[in-house]
PDB file of N, CA and C in Angstrom:
ATOM      1  N   MET A   1     -29.732-129.188   1.742  1.00  0.00           N
ATOM      2  CA  MET A   1     -29.940-127.875   2.173  1.00  0.00           C
ATOM      3  C   MET A   1     -28.653-127.186   1.856  1.00  0.00           C
ATOM      4  N   ASN A   2     -28.719-125.874   1.264  1.00  0.00           N
ATOM      5  CA  ASN A   2     -27.550-125.167   0.881  1.00  0.00           C
ATOM      6  C   ASN A   2     -27.188-124.244   2.033  1.00  0.00           C
ATOM      7  N   GLU A   3     -26.057-123.619   1.872  1.00  0.00           N
ATOM      8  CA  GLU A   3     -25.469-122.730   2.895  1.00  0.00           C
ATOM      9  C   GLU A   3     -26.458-121.533   3.250  1.00  0.00           C
ATOM     10  N   LYS A   4     -27.120-120.988   2.186  1.00  0.00           N
ATOM     11  CA  LYS A   4     -27.983-119.865   2.499  1.00  0.00           C
ATOM     12  C   LYS A   4     -29.233-120.291   3.278  1.00  0.00           C
ATOM     13  N   GLU A   5     -29.762-121.444   2.941  1.00  0.00           N
ATOM     14  CA  GLU A   5     -30.969-122.008   3.673  1.00  0.00           C
ATOM     15  C   GLU A   5     -30.500-122.248   5.091  1.00  0.00           C
ATOM     16  N   GLU A   6     -29.261-122.763   5.388  1.00  0.00           N
ATOM     17  CA  GLU A   6     -28.900-123.130   6.751  1.00  0.00           C
ATOM     18  C   GLU A   6     -28.785-121.796   7.541  1.00  0.00           C
ATOM     19  N   LYS A   7     -28.210-120.778   6.914  1.00  0.00           N
ATOM     20  CA  LYS A   7     -28.049-119.518   7.554  1.00  0.00           C
ATOM     21  C   LYS A   7     -29.399-118.950   7.998  1.00  0.00           C
ATOM     22  N   ILE A   8     -30.346-119.060   7.048  1.00  0.00           N
ATOM     23  CA  ILE A   8     -31.766-118.510   7.371  1.00  0.00           C
ATOM     24  C   ILE A   8     -32.359-119.267   8.555  1.00  0.00           C
ATOM     25  N   LEU A   9     -32.275-120.516   8.572  1.00  0.00           N
ATOM     26  CA  LEU A   9     -32.789-121.312   9.681  1.00  0.00           C
ATOM     27  C   LEU A   9     -32.120-121.056  10.995  1.00  0.00           C
ATOM     28  N   THR A  10     -30.760-120.879  10.962  1.00  0.00           N
ATOM     29  CA  THR A  10     -30.070-120.645  12.190  1.00  0.00           C
ATOM     30  C   THR A  10     -30.540-119.291  12.731  1.00  0.00           C
ATOM     31  N   THR A  11     -30.683-118.287  11.822  1.00  0.00           N
ATOM     32  CA  THR A  11     -31.014-116.936  12.287  1.00  0.00           C
ATOM     33  C   THR A  11     -32.463-117.041  12.885  1.00  0.00           C
ATOM     34  N   ILE A  12     -33.399-117.705  12.313  1.00  0.00           N
ATOM     35  CA  ILE A  12     -34.721-117.907  12.799  1.00  0.00           C
ATOM     36  C   ILE A  12     -34.769-118.531  14.156  1.00  0.00           C
ATOM     37  N   ALA A  13     -33.961-119.575  14.237  1.00  0.00           N
ATOM     38  CA  ALA A  13     -33.894-120.312  15.480  1.00  0.00           C
ATOM     39  C   ALA A  13     -33.416-119.439  16.626  1.00  0.00           C
ATOM     40  N   MET A  14     -32.531-118.535  16.358  1.00  0.00           N
ATOM     41  CA  MET A  14     -32.019-117.658  17.339  1.00  0.00           C
ATOM     42  C   MET A  14     -32.955-116.605  17.781  1.00  0.00           C
ATOM     43  N   LEU A  15     -33.863-116.164  16.744  1.00  0.00           N
ATOM     44  CA  LEU A  15     -34.727-115.011  17.008  1.00  0.00           C
ATOM     45  C   LEU A  15     -36.080-115.533  17.696  1.00  0.00           C
ATOM     46  N   ILE A  16     -36.423-116.702  17.451  1.00  0.00           N
ATOM     47  CA  ILE A  16     -37.802-117.136  17.955  1.00  0.00           C
ATOM     48  C   ILE A  16     -37.924-117.029  19.545  1.00  0.00           C
ATOM     49  N   PRO A  17     -36.925-117.346  20.266  1.00  0.00           N
ATOM     50  CA  PRO A  17     -37.085-117.188  21.716  1.00  0.00           C
ATOM     51  C   PRO A  17     -37.267-115.706  22.146  1.00  0.00           C
ATOM     52  N   LYS A  18     -36.845-114.775  21.376  1.00  0.00           N
ATOM     53  CA  LYS A  18     -36.914-113.371  21.701  1.00  0.00           C
ATOM     54  C   LYS A  18     -38.253-112.771  21.141  1.00  0.00           C
ATOM     55  N   MET A  19     -39.029-113.435  20.504  1.00  0.00           N
ATOM     56  CA  MET A  19     -40.251-112.956  19.806  1.00  0.00           C
ATOM     57  C   MET A  19     -41.528-113.071  20.731  1.00  0.00           C
ATOM     58  N   SER A  20     -42.347-112.105  20.601  1.00  0.00           N
ATOM     59  CA  SER A  20     -43.622-112.194  21.300  1.00  0.00           C
ATOM     60  C   SER A  20     -44.530-113.204  20.613  1.00  0.00           C
ATOM     61  N   GLU A  21     -45.624-113.606  21.252  1.00  0.00           N
ATOM     62  CA  GLU A  21     -46.563-114.579  20.768  1.00  0.00           C
ATOM     63  C   GLU A  21     -47.084-114.060  19.359  1.00  0.00           C
ATOM     64  N   PRO A  22     -47.496-112.820  19.262  1.00  0.00           N
ATOM     65  CA  PRO A  22     -48.054-112.340  17.986  1.00  0.00           C
ATOM     66  C   PRO A  22     -46.979-112.429  16.861  1.00  0.00           C
ATOM     67  N   GLU A  23     -45.768-112.095  17.198  1.00  0.00           N
ATOM     68  CA  GLU A  23     -44.724-112.160  16.217  1.00  0.00           C
ATOM     69  C   GLU A  23     -44.407-113.590  15.790  1.00  0.00           C
ATOM     70  N   LYS A  24     -44.521-114.593  16.701  1.00  0.00           N
ATOM     71  CA  LYS A  24     -44.392-115.912  16.423  1.00  0.00           C
ATOM     72  C   LYS A  24     -45.554-116.415  15.462  1.00  0.00           C
ATOM     73  N   MET A  25     -46.718-116.008  15.749  1.00  0.00           N
ATOM     74  CA  MET A  25     -47.886-116.425  14.954  1.00  0.00           C
ATOM     75  C   MET A  25     -47.828-115.854  13.537  1.00  0.00           C
ATOM     76  N   TYR A  26     -47.241-114.620  13.490  1.00  0.00           N
ATOM     77  CA  TYR A  26     -47.086-114.024  12.174  1.00  0.00           C
ATOM     78  C   TYR A  26     -46.025-114.760  11.322  1.00  0.00           C
ATOM     79  N   LEU A  27     -44.965-115.116  11.974  1.00  0.00           N
ATOM     80  CA  LEU A  27     -43.945-115.893  11.246  1.00  0.00           C
ATOM     81  C   LEU A  27     -44.429-117.237  10.854  1.00  0.00           C
ATOM     82  N   LEU A  28     -45.213-117.894  11.683  1.00  0.00           N
ATOM     83  CA  LEU A  28     -45.747-119.210  11.269  1.00  0.00           C
ATOM     84  C   LEU A  28     -46.751-118.963  10.121  1.00  0.00           C
ATOM     85  N   GLY A  29     -47.534-118.014  10.122  1.00  0.00           N
ATOM     86  CA  GLY A  29     -48.474-117.743   8.969  1.00  0.00           C
ATOM     87  C   GLY A  29     -47.682-117.609   7.702  1.00  0.00           C
ATOM     88  N   GLN A  30     -46.665-116.706   7.724  1.00  0.00           N
ATOM     89  CA  GLN A  30     -45.837-116.450   6.587  1.00  0.00           C
ATOM     90  C   GLN A  30     -45.199-117.776   6.101  1.00  0.00           C
ATOM     91  N   ALA A  31     -44.636-118.557   6.944  1.00  0.00           N
ATOM     92  CA  ALA A  31     -44.050-119.931   6.550  1.00  0.00           C
ATOM     93  C   ALA A  31     -45.059-120.821   5.917  1.00  0.00           C
ATOM     94  N   GLU A  32     -46.217-120.884   6.513  1.00  0.00           N
ATOM     95  CA  GLU A  32     -47.281-121.688   5.968  1.00  0.00           C
ATOM     96  C   GLU A  32     -47.720-121.198   4.593  1.00  0.00           C
ATOM     97  N   GLY A  33     -47.839-119.948   4.398  1.00  0.00           N
ATOM     98  CA  GLY A  33     -48.220-119.385   3.193  1.00  0.00           C
ATOM     99  C   GLY A  33     -47.087-119.704   2.056  1.00  0.00           C
ATOM    100  N   MET A  34     -45.865-119.633   2.426  1.00  0.00           N
ATOM    101  CA  MET A  34     -44.791-119.900   1.449  1.00  0.00           C
ATOM    102  C   MET A  34     -44.854-121.417   1.052  1.00  0.00           C
ATOM    103  N   ALA A  35     -45.061-122.249   2.080  1.00  0.00           N
ATOM    104  CA  ALA A  35     -45.161-123.656   1.742  1.00  0.00           C
ATOM    105  C   ALA A  35     -46.297-123.995   0.885  1.00  0.00           C
ATOM    106  N   LEU A  36     -47.429-123.375   1.056  1.00  0.00           N
ATOM    107  CA  LEU A  36     -48.615-123.518   0.307  1.00  0.00           C
ATOM    108  C   LEU A  36     -48.301-123.084  -1.153  1.00  0.00           C
ATOM    109  N   MET A  37     -47.711-121.943  -1.376  1.00  0.00           N
ATOM    110  CA  MET A  37     -47.341-121.446  -2.666  1.00  0.00           C
ATOM    111  C   MET A  37     -46.382-122.395  -3.421  1.00  0.00           C
ATOM    112  N   LYS A  38     -45.376-122.954  -2.653  1.00  0.00           N
ATOM    113  CA  LYS A  38     -44.488-123.906  -3.223  1.00  0.00           C
ATOM    114  C   LYS A  38     -45.124-125.133  -3.701  1.00  0.00           C
ATOM    115  N   ARG A  39     -46.059-125.623  -2.920  1.00  0.00           N
ATOM    116  CA  ARG A  39     -46.776-126.857  -3.276  1.00  0.00           C
ATOM    117  C   ARG A  39     -47.623-126.565  -4.491  1.00  0.00           C
ATOM    118  N   ARG A  40     -48.278-125.369  -4.523  1.00  0.00           N
ATOM    119  CA  ARG A  40     -49.118-125.052  -5.645  1.00  0.00           C
ATOM    120  C   ARG A  40     -48.262-124.912  -6.932  1.00  0.00           C
ATOM    121  N   GLN A  41     -47.136-124.270  -6.866  1.00  0.00           N
ATOM    122  CA  GLN A  41     -46.321-124.241  -8.031  1.00  0.00           C
ATOM    123  C   GLN A  41     -45.771-125.590  -8.583  1.00  0.00           C
ATOM    124  N   GLN A  42     -45.496-126.440  -7.564  1.00  0.00           N
ATOM    125  CA  GLN A  42     -45.063-127.776  -7.983  1.00  0.00           C
ATOM    126  C   GLN A  42     -46.175-128.599  -8.556  1.00  0.00           C
ATOM    127  N   SER A  43     -47.364-128.438  -8.152  1.00  0.00           N
ATOM    128  CA  SER A  43     -48.567-129.135  -8.754  1.00  0.00           C
ATOM    129  C   SER A  43     -48.873-128.609 -10.123  1.00  0.00           C
ATOM    130  N   VAL A  44     -48.689-127.206 -10.273  1.00  0.00           N
ATOM    131  CA  VAL A  44     -48.912-126.557 -11.578  1.00  0.00           C
ATOM    132  C   VAL A  44     -47.902-126.941 -12.598  1.00  0.00           C
ATOM    133  N   ALA A  45     -46.705-127.181 -12.207  1.00  0.00           N
ATOM    134  CA  ALA A  45     -45.608-127.626 -13.022  1.00  0.00           C
ATOM    135  C   ALA A  45     -45.859-128.870 -13.831  1.00  0.00           C
ATOM    136  N   GLY A  46     -46.660-129.702 -13.152  1.00  0.00           N
ATOM    137  CA  GLY A  46     -47.011-131.033 -13.743  1.00  0.00           C
ATOM    138  C   GLY A  46     -48.193-131.103 -14.588  1.00  0.00           C
ATOM    139  N   LYS A  47     -48.881-130.038 -14.770  1.00  0.00           N
ATOM    140  CA  LYS A  47     -50.110-129.923 -15.491  1.00  0.00           C
ATOM    141  C   LYS A  47     -49.885-129.235 -16.842  1.00  0.00           C
ATOM    142  N   SER A  48     -50.858-129.425 -17.695  1.00  0.00           N
ATOM    143  CA  SER A  48     -50.706-128.849 -19.117  1.00  0.00           C
ATOM    144  C   SER A  48     -50.738-127.312 -18.936  1.00  0.00           C
ATOM    145  N   ASP A  49     -50.393-126.601 -19.972  1.00  0.00           N
ATOM    146  CA  ASP A  49     -50.301-125.090 -19.950  1.00  0.00           C
ATOM    147  C   ASP A  49     -51.768-124.436 -19.699  1.00  0.00           C
ATOM    148  N   GLU A  50     -52.786-125.032 -20.290  1.00  0.00           N
ATOM    149  CA  GLU A  50     -54.152-124.508 -20.126  1.00  0.00           C
ATOM    150  C   GLU A  50     -54.576-124.625 -18.599  1.00  0.00           C
ATOM    151  N   GLU A  51     -54.381-125.872 -18.093  1.00  0.00           N
ATOM    152  CA  GLU A  51     -54.659-126.110 -16.643  1.00  0.00           C
ATOM    153  C   GLU A  51     -53.895-125.234 -15.810  1.00  0.00           C
ATOM    154  N   SER A  52     -52.632-125.006 -16.114  1.00  0.00           N
ATOM    155  CA  SER A  52     -51.775-124.129 -15.298  1.00  0.00           C
ATOM    156  C   SER A  52     -52.323-122.667 -15.250  1.00  0.00           C
ATOM    157  N   ARG A  53     -52.726-122.155 -16.422  1.00  0.00           N
ATOM    158  CA  ARG A  53     -53.269-120.794 -16.444  1.00  0.00           C
ATOM    159  C   ARG A  53     -54.607-120.745 -15.605  1.00  0.00           C
ATOM    160  N   GLU A  54     -55.421-121.720 -15.676  1.00  0.00           N
ATOM    161  CA  GLU A  54     -56.591-121.696 -14.857  1.00  0.00           C
ATOM    162  C   GLU A  54     -56.362-121.675 -13.396  1.00  0.00           C
ATOM    163  N   LEU A  55     -55.388-122.544 -12.954  1.00  0.00           N
ATOM    164  CA  LEU A  55     -55.017-122.617 -11.537  1.00  0.00           C
ATOM    165  C   LEU A  55     -54.426-121.290 -11.024  1.00  0.00           C
ATOM    166  N   GLN A  56     -53.564-120.664 -11.883  1.00  0.00           N
ATOM    167  CA  GLN A  56     -52.955-119.370 -11.536  1.00  0.00           C
ATOM    168  C   GLN A  56     -53.964-118.167 -11.350  1.00  0.00           C
ATOM    169  N   GLU A  57     -55.047-118.287 -12.108  1.00  0.00           N
ATOM    170  CA  GLU A  57     -56.073-117.215 -12.051  1.00  0.00           C
ATOM    171  C   GLU A  57     -56.844-117.317 -10.620  1.00  0.00           C
ATOM    172  N   VAL A  58     -56.787-118.452 -10.023  1.00  0.00           N
ATOM    173  CA  VAL A  58     -57.556-118.616  -8.797  1.00  0.00           C
ATOM    174  C   VAL A  58     -56.900-117.934  -7.715  1.00  0.00           C
TER     175      VAL A  58
END
């Protein structure tokens, strides 16, 4: 993990106790969405160009 990532995680860790439940749920949803997009990008990178275009259109 690089320095920028560590700073982001430290900031989030400090803010979570101050958040309301809806704010926490929103943050969780955003994080899950980013993780899903990252996994999708990684799986697309391993496929042919034609398959990649088909997956990106979905």
